[in-house]
Amino acid sequence: MPSGFARWVRDQIAARGHQSDEEAARAMRVYPSLMRQWTTIARSPTPQVLRRVAALFDTPVPEVLVAAGYMTEEENVPLPATRTMLQQMSNKQILDEIRRRTAGDGGRDADPRTGERSAAHSGWPARSARQ
């Protein structure tokens, strides 16, 4: 029984107006046997196949991952565009954000094992030793 990926490939071929797997293969410059394999595959394809198919069909990789069953539609949502890239921020904005994030912790990093903030774990000497 063909996989969801195989059905997706067949849908992509039809959406592009190709009448057969062979016609689609010629148009995409791949072997017809390879196109037949993609349209009848019963198991999930390898990551290499997914990347190649996404490129050939000019489709985002996450859409192909959903078709292959590696992720769900719910997982395929864009990240919120609320985060500002550092390149878009002034030096003052970056420093203000660093100050905001470190307010009250003395500039110390949290120990990833415990979540506690300690100068010893931060890699820096204690404040009194730095002065």
Foldseek 3Di string as FASTA:
>chain_A
DAALQLVVLVVLCVVVPHPDLCSLCVVLVHDSVVSVCRNRPRAQDDPVVLVVSCVSSVHDSVVSCCSSVVDHPVVPDDDDPPDDDPVPDDPVVVVVVLCVVCPPLQSFDADPVPRDGDNVVRPHPPPVVVD
